[in-house]
Amino acid sequence: MLPENDPVIAATHRSKLGGMGCVVCGGPIAEPQFANAWERVRKLYPCCGLACAGRFDPDVHWLPAEKPLPATPDDEHRLMRAAAERLRAGDRPSLVVHDLLLAGIAPLALRKLLTDAELSVAATDRWVDRLNVLGTISALFGGGRRFAERRDRRDPEQLRAAATELETWRARFSEG
């Protein structure tokens, strides 16, 4: 018998979810409903009924019903390195933050990651601006044109939006 068909497991799961609110409307959950088969297996985003399950959007309703278990130190170190690389590669910062929070990474570590990325982008922008000023001066005096392009794919606005998502998480789970 599959675990999801076991009546004891199902009753335990229902009682566990009974105290949580619907991820879409915040209402009480009598019998959890899920948006699709994937969400039914994951059991992270319960809805109170089929109507709410139909309105479920993972980009909007990304906060789980309960806080995930903290990641182990080894996992946290590995995931933080991968997240920094994802940000450098141009992945949307809010998606990176969602993934790491759901993996059990501490919000404080993510705050540091976002701050470091934003400072790095600002430093890169200043460096490119300086090179372009020097290129303009060089062009004025006949030294040819040399202009630098900003190659950093990280967008400061998106980094700030991800920080807002982080604050939403902290407020939802009452973390300092």
C-alpha atoms as a PDB file:
ATOM      1  CA  MET A   1       0.000   0.000   0.000  1.00  0.00           C
ATOM      2  CA  LEU A   2       1.336   3.419  -0.916  1.00  0.00           C
ATOM      3  CA  PRO A   3       1.891   5.815   2.016  1.00  0.00           C
ATOM      4  CA  GLU A   4      -0.643   8.316   0.646  1.00  0.00           C
ATOM      5  CA  ASN A   5      -3.293   5.548   0.613  1.00  0.00           C
ATOM      6  CA  ASP A   6      -2.581   4.443   4.192  1.00  0.00           C
ATOM      7  CA  PRO A   7      -5.498   5.657   6.371  1.00  0.00           C
ATOM      8  CA  VAL A   8      -3.286   6.099   9.463  1.00  0.00           C
ATOM      9  CA  ILE A   9      -0.777   8.269   7.583  1.00  0.00           C
ATOM     10  CA  ALA A  10      -3.614  10.192   5.925  1.00  0.00           C
ATOM     11  CA  ALA A  11      -5.310  10.849   9.292  1.00  0.00           C
ATOM     12  CA  THR A  12      -2.020  11.961  10.845  1.00  0.00           C
ATOM     13  CA  HIS A  13      -1.351  14.250   7.901  1.00  0.00           C
ATOM     14  CA  ARG A  14      -4.884  15.712   8.068  1.00  0.00           C
ATOM     15  CA  SER A  15      -4.544  16.437  11.785  1.00  0.00           C
ATOM     16  CA  LYS A  16      -1.134  18.024  11.202  1.00  0.00           C
ATOM     17  CA  LEU A  17      -2.474  20.238   8.402  1.00  0.00           C
ATOM     18  CA  GLY A  18      -5.698  20.978  10.242  1.00  0.00           C
ATOM     19  CA  GLY A  19      -4.044  23.684  12.353  1.00  0.00           C
ATOM     20  CA  MET A  20      -2.516  25.405   9.336  1.00  0.00           C
ATOM     21  CA  GLY A  21      -4.149  27.876   7.059  1.00  0.00           C
ATOM     22  CA  CYS A  22      -4.766  27.665   3.346  1.00  0.00           C
ATOM     23  CA  VAL A  23      -1.784  29.062   1.418  1.00  0.00           C
ATOM     24  CA  VAL A  24      -4.133  30.897  -0.965  1.00  0.00           C
ATOM     25  CA  CYS A  25      -6.833  32.426   1.270  1.00  0.00           C
ATOM     26  CA  GLY A  26      -5.506  31.778   4.793  1.00  0.00           C
ATOM     27  CA  GLY A  27      -8.703  29.976   5.786  1.00  0.00           C
ATOM     28  CA  PRO A  28      -8.849  26.819   7.915  1.00  0.00           C
ATOM     29  CA  ILE A  29      -8.205  23.455   6.280  1.00  0.00           C
ATOM     30  CA  ALA A  30     -10.631  20.616   6.985  1.00  0.00           C
ATOM     31  CA  GLU A  31      -9.495  18.334   4.168  1.00  0.00           C
ATOM     32  CA  PRO A  32      -6.314  19.498   2.376  1.00  0.00           C
ATOM     33  CA  GLN A  33      -6.561  19.986  -1.372  1.00  0.00           C
ATOM     34  CA  PHE A  34      -3.580  20.500  -3.648  1.00  0.00           C
ATOM     35  CA  ALA A  35      -3.261  22.268  -6.983  1.00  0.00           C
ATOM     36  CA  ASN A  36      -1.787  19.328  -8.890  1.00  0.00           C
ATOM     37  CA  ALA A  37      -0.130  15.949  -8.507  1.00  0.00           C
ATOM     38  CA  TRP A  38       3.288  17.497  -7.830  1.00  0.00           C
ATOM     39  CA  GLU A  39       1.960  19.613  -4.974  1.00  0.00           C
ATOM     40  CA  ARG A  40      -0.013  16.608  -3.669  1.00  0.00           C
ATOM     41  CA  VAL A  41       3.245  14.639  -3.363  1.00  0.00           C
ATOM     42  CA  ARG A  42       5.193  17.527  -1.818  1.00  0.00           C
ATOM     43  CA  LYS A  43       2.405  18.474   0.649  1.00  0.00           C
ATOM     44  CA  LEU A  44       3.944  21.911   1.227  1.00  0.00           C
ATOM     45  CA  TYR A  45       1.112  24.109  -0.037  1.00  0.00           C
ATOM     46  CA  PRO A  46      -2.273  22.861   1.194  1.00  0.00           C
ATOM     47  CA  CYS A  47      -5.450  24.610   0.110  1.00  0.00           C
ATOM     48  CA  CYS A  48      -8.806  24.607   1.883  1.00  0.00           C
ATOM     49  CA  GLY A  49     -10.797  23.560  -1.167  1.00  0.00           C
ATOM     50  CA  LEU A  50     -10.809  22.990  -4.891  1.00  0.00           C
ATOM     51  CA  ALA A  51     -11.524  26.674  -5.601  1.00  0.00           C
ATOM     52  CA  CYS A  52      -8.367  27.790  -3.788  1.00  0.00           C
ATOM     53  CA  ALA A  53      -6.377  24.912  -5.305  1.00  0.00           C
ATOM     54  CA  GLY A  54      -7.439  26.185  -8.729  1.00  0.00           C
ATOM     55  CA  ARG A  55      -6.189  29.700  -7.897  1.00  0.00           C
ATOM     56  CA  PHE A  56      -2.852  28.451  -6.528  1.00  0.00           C
ATOM     57  CA  ASP A  57       0.120  30.098  -8.278  1.00  0.00           C
ATOM     58  CA  PRO A  58       3.582  28.985  -7.063  1.00  0.00           C
ATOM     59  CA  ASP A  59       5.092  32.393  -7.869  1.00  0.00           C
ATOM     60  CA  VAL A  60       2.537  34.158  -5.670  1.00  0.00           C
ATOM     61  CA  HIS A  61       1.750  31.530  -3.030  1.00  0.00           C
ATOM     62  CA  TRP A  62       5.322  30.406  -2.430  1.00  0.00           C
ATOM     63  CA  LEU A  63       5.303  30.489   1.380  1.00  0.00           C
ATOM     64  CA  PRO A  64       4.814  26.948   2.723  1.00  0.00           C
ATOM     65  CA  ALA A  65       2.186  26.113   5.332  1.00  0.00           C
ATOM     66  CA  GLU A  66       4.915  25.289   7.828  1.00  0.00           C
ATOM     67  CA  LYS A  67       8.565  26.250   8.126  1.00  0.00           C
ATOM     68  CA  PRO A  68      10.977  23.677   6.633  1.00  0.00           C
ATOM     69  CA  LEU A  69      13.570  21.968   8.785  1.00  0.00           C
ATOM     70  CA  PRO A  70      16.956  23.742   8.894  1.00  0.00           C
ATOM     71  CA  ALA A  71      19.572  22.546   6.438  1.00  0.00           C
ATOM     72  CA  THR A  72      22.660  20.784   7.727  1.00  0.00           C
ATOM     73  CA  PRO A  73      25.848  22.898   7.796  1.00  0.00           C
ATOM     74  CA  ASP A  74      27.307  20.925   4.870  1.00  0.00           C
ATOM     75  CA  ASP A  75      24.151  21.399   2.803  1.00  0.00           C
ATOM     76  CA  GLU A  76      23.987  25.068   3.727  1.00  0.00           C
ATOM     77  CA  HIS A  77      27.577  25.654   2.609  1.00  0.00           C
ATOM     78  CA  ARG A  78      27.026  23.798  -0.682  1.00  0.00           C
ATOM     79  CA  LEU A  79      23.707  25.517  -1.403  1.00  0.00           C
ATOM     80  CA  MET A  80      25.060  28.985  -0.598  1.00  0.00           C
ATOM     81  CA  ARG A  81      27.952  28.508  -3.047  1.00  0.00           C
ATOM     82  CA  ALA A  82      25.533  27.316  -5.709  1.00  0.00           C
ATOM     83  CA  ALA A  83      23.217  30.267  -4.998  1.00  0.00           C
ATOM     84  CA  ALA A  84      26.039  32.783  -5.349  1.00  0.00           C
ATOM     85  CA  GLU A  85      26.891  31.226  -8.703  1.00  0.00           C
ATOM     86  CA  ARG A  86      23.238  31.323  -9.778  1.00  0.00           C
ATOM     87  CA  LEU A  87      23.062  35.028  -8.930  1.00  0.00           C
ATOM     88  CA  ARG A  88      26.266  35.735 -10.882  1.00  0.00           C
ATOM     89  CA  ALA A  89      24.827  33.806 -13.843  1.00  0.00           C
ATOM     90  CA  GLY A  90      21.762  36.042 -13.874  1.00  0.00           C
ATOM     91  CA  ASP A  91      19.088  33.857 -12.248  1.00  0.00           C
ATOM     92  CA  ARG A  92      16.204  35.862 -10.831  1.00  0.00           C
ATOM     93  CA  PRO A  93      17.228  36.590  -7.207  1.00  0.00           C
ATOM     94  CA  SER A  94      13.729  36.083  -5.784  1.00  0.00           C
ATOM     95  CA  LEU A  95      13.642  32.536  -7.185  1.00  0.00           C
ATOM     96  CA  VAL A  96      17.056  31.814  -5.682  1.00  0.00           C
ATOM     97  CA  VAL A  97      15.835  33.134  -2.310  1.00  0.00           C
ATOM     98  CA  HIS A  98      12.632  31.041  -2.522  1.00  0.00           C
ATOM     99  CA  ASP A  99      14.613  27.893  -3.300  1.00  0.00           C
ATOM    100  CA  LEU A 100      17.059  28.407  -0.454  1.00  0.00           C
ATOM    101  CA  LEU A 101      14.411  29.281   2.127  1.00  0.00           C
ATOM    102  CA  LEU A 102      12.434  26.175   1.190  1.00  0.00           C
ATOM    103  CA  ALA A 103      15.664  24.147   1.488  1.00  0.00           C
ATOM    104  CA  GLY A 104      16.024  25.291   5.101  1.00  0.00           C
ATOM    105  CA  ILE A 105      18.704  27.967   4.732  1.00  0.00           C
ATOM    106  CA  ALA A 106      18.632  30.614   7.462  1.00  0.00           C
ATOM    107  CA  PRO A 107      17.274  34.041   6.428  1.00  0.00           C
ATOM    108  CA  LEU A 108      20.320  35.745   7.959  1.00  0.00           C
ATOM    109  CA  ALA A 109      22.646  33.855   5.595  1.00  0.00           C
ATOM    110  CA  LEU A 110      20.469  34.885   2.645  1.00  0.00           C
ATOM    111  CA  ARG A 111      20.479  38.508   3.772  1.00  0.00           C
ATOM    112  CA  LYS A 112      24.288  38.410   3.692  1.00  0.00           C
ATOM    113  CA  LEU A 113      24.264  36.781   0.235  1.00  0.00           C
ATOM    114  CA  LEU A 114      21.960  39.489  -1.159  1.00  0.00           C
ATOM    115  CA  THR A 115      23.923  42.310   0.478  1.00  0.00           C
ATOM    116  CA  ASP A 116      27.216  40.970  -0.876  1.00  0.00           C
ATOM    117  CA  ALA A 117      25.719  40.665  -4.361  1.00  0.00           C
ATOM    118  CA  GLU A 118      24.323  44.206  -4.256  1.00  0.00           C
ATOM    119  CA  LEU A 119      27.666  45.636  -3.072  1.00  0.00           C
ATOM    120  CA  SER A 120      29.482  43.716  -5.793  1.00  0.00           C
ATOM    121  CA  VAL A 121      27.128  45.075  -8.458  1.00  0.00           C
ATOM    122  CA  ALA A 122      27.632  48.629  -7.182  1.00  0.00           C
ATOM    123  CA  ALA A 123      31.428  48.217  -7.248  1.00  0.00           C
ATOM    124  CA  THR A 124      31.296  46.804 -10.777  1.00  0.00           C
ATOM    125  CA  ASP A 125      29.094  49.688 -11.940  1.00  0.00           C
ATOM    126  CA  ARG A 126      31.515  52.237 -10.450  1.00  0.00           C
ATOM    127  CA  TRP A 127      34.463  50.531 -12.166  1.00  0.00           C
ATOM    128  CA  VAL A 128      32.684  50.505 -15.547  1.00  0.00           C
ATOM    129  CA  ASP A 129      31.772  54.188 -15.123  1.00  0.00           C
ATOM    130  CA  ARG A 130      35.418  55.077 -14.395  1.00  0.00           C
ATOM    131  CA  LEU A 131      36.648  53.144 -17.410  1.00  0.00           C
ATOM    132  CA  ASN A 132      34.119  54.904 -19.634  1.00  0.00           C
ATOM    133  CA  VAL A 133      35.190  58.338 -18.355  1.00  0.00           C
ATOM    134  CA  LEU A 134      38.799  57.444 -19.140  1.00  0.00           C
ATOM    135  CA  GLY A 135      37.720  56.143 -22.568  1.00  0.00           C
ATOM    136  CA  THR A 136      35.926  59.418 -23.300  1.00  0.00           C
ATOM    137  CA  ILE A 137      38.957  61.477 -22.281  1.00  0.00           C
ATOM    138  CA  SER A 138      41.193  59.246 -24.392  1.00  0.00           C
ATOM    139  CA  ALA A 139      38.862  59.664 -27.392  1.00  0.00           C
ATOM    140  CA  LEU A 140      38.908  63.463 -26.982  1.00  0.00           C
ATOM    141  CA  PHE A 141      42.685  63.536 -27.213  1.00  0.00           C
ATOM    142  CA  GLY A 142      42.927  61.216 -30.197  1.00  0.00           C
ATOM    143  CA  GLY A 143      43.778  58.051 -28.330  1.00  0.00           C
ATOM    144  CA  GLY A 144      40.952  56.056 -29.855  1.00  0.00           C
ATOM    145  CA  ARG A 145      37.711  55.000 -28.321  1.00  0.00           C
ATOM    146  CA  ARG A 146      37.681  52.570 -25.438  1.00  0.00           C
ATOM    147  CA  PHE A 147      34.429  51.953 -23.671  1.00  0.00           C
ATOM    148  CA  ALA A 148      33.582  49.284 -21.143  1.00  0.00           C
ATOM    149  CA  GLU A 149      30.340  47.331 -20.984  1.00  0.00           C
ATOM    150  CA  ARG A 150      28.668  46.169 -17.828  1.00  0.00           C
ATOM    151  CA  ARG A 151      28.867  42.369 -18.003  1.00  0.00           C
ATOM    152  CA  ASP A 152      27.426  41.654 -14.571  1.00  0.00           C
ATOM    153  CA  ARG A 153      23.995  40.109 -15.072  1.00  0.00           C
ATOM    154  CA  ARG A 154      22.773  40.874 -11.552  1.00  0.00           C
ATOM    155  CA  ASP A 155      20.119  43.580 -11.426  1.00  0.00           C
ATOM    156  CA  PRO A 156      20.104  45.762  -8.268  1.00  0.00           C
ATOM    157  CA  GLU A 157      16.317  46.194  -8.482  1.00  0.00           C
ATOM    158  CA  GLN A 158      15.781  42.440  -8.559  1.00  0.00           C
ATOM    159  CA  LEU A 159      18.177  41.993  -5.630  1.00  0.00           C
ATOM    160  CA  ARG A 160      16.116  44.503  -3.624  1.00  0.00           C
ATOM    161  CA  ALA A 161      12.908  42.679  -4.615  1.00  0.00           C
ATOM    162  CA  ALA A 162      14.437  39.430  -3.328  1.00  0.00           C
ATOM    163  CA  ALA A 163      15.235  41.162  -0.042  1.00  0.00           C
ATOM    164  CA  THR A 164      11.540  42.074   0.177  1.00  0.00           C
ATOM    165  CA  GLU A 165      10.645  38.397  -0.329  1.00  0.00           C
ATOM    166  CA  LEU A 166      13.058  37.548   2.472  1.00  0.00           C
ATOM    167  CA  GLU A 167      11.274  40.015   4.776  1.00  0.00           C
ATOM    168  CA  THR A 168       7.942  38.410   3.844  1.00  0.00           C
ATOM    169  CA  TRP A 169       9.340  35.050   4.970  1.00  0.00           C
ATOM    170  CA  ARG A 170      10.679  36.497   8.217  1.00  0.00           C
ATOM    171  CA  ALA A 171       7.328  38.107   9.000  1.00  0.00           C
ATOM    172  CA  ARG A 172       5.404  34.901   8.188  1.00  0.00           C
ATOM    173  CA  PHE A 173       7.551  32.742  10.435  1.00  0.00           C
ATOM    174  CA  SER A 174       8.303  35.467  13.032  1.00  0.00           C
ATOM    175  CA  GLU A 175      12.055  35.316  12.657  1.00  0.00           C
ATOM    176  CA  GLY A 176      14.233  38.094  14.013  1.00  0.00           C
END
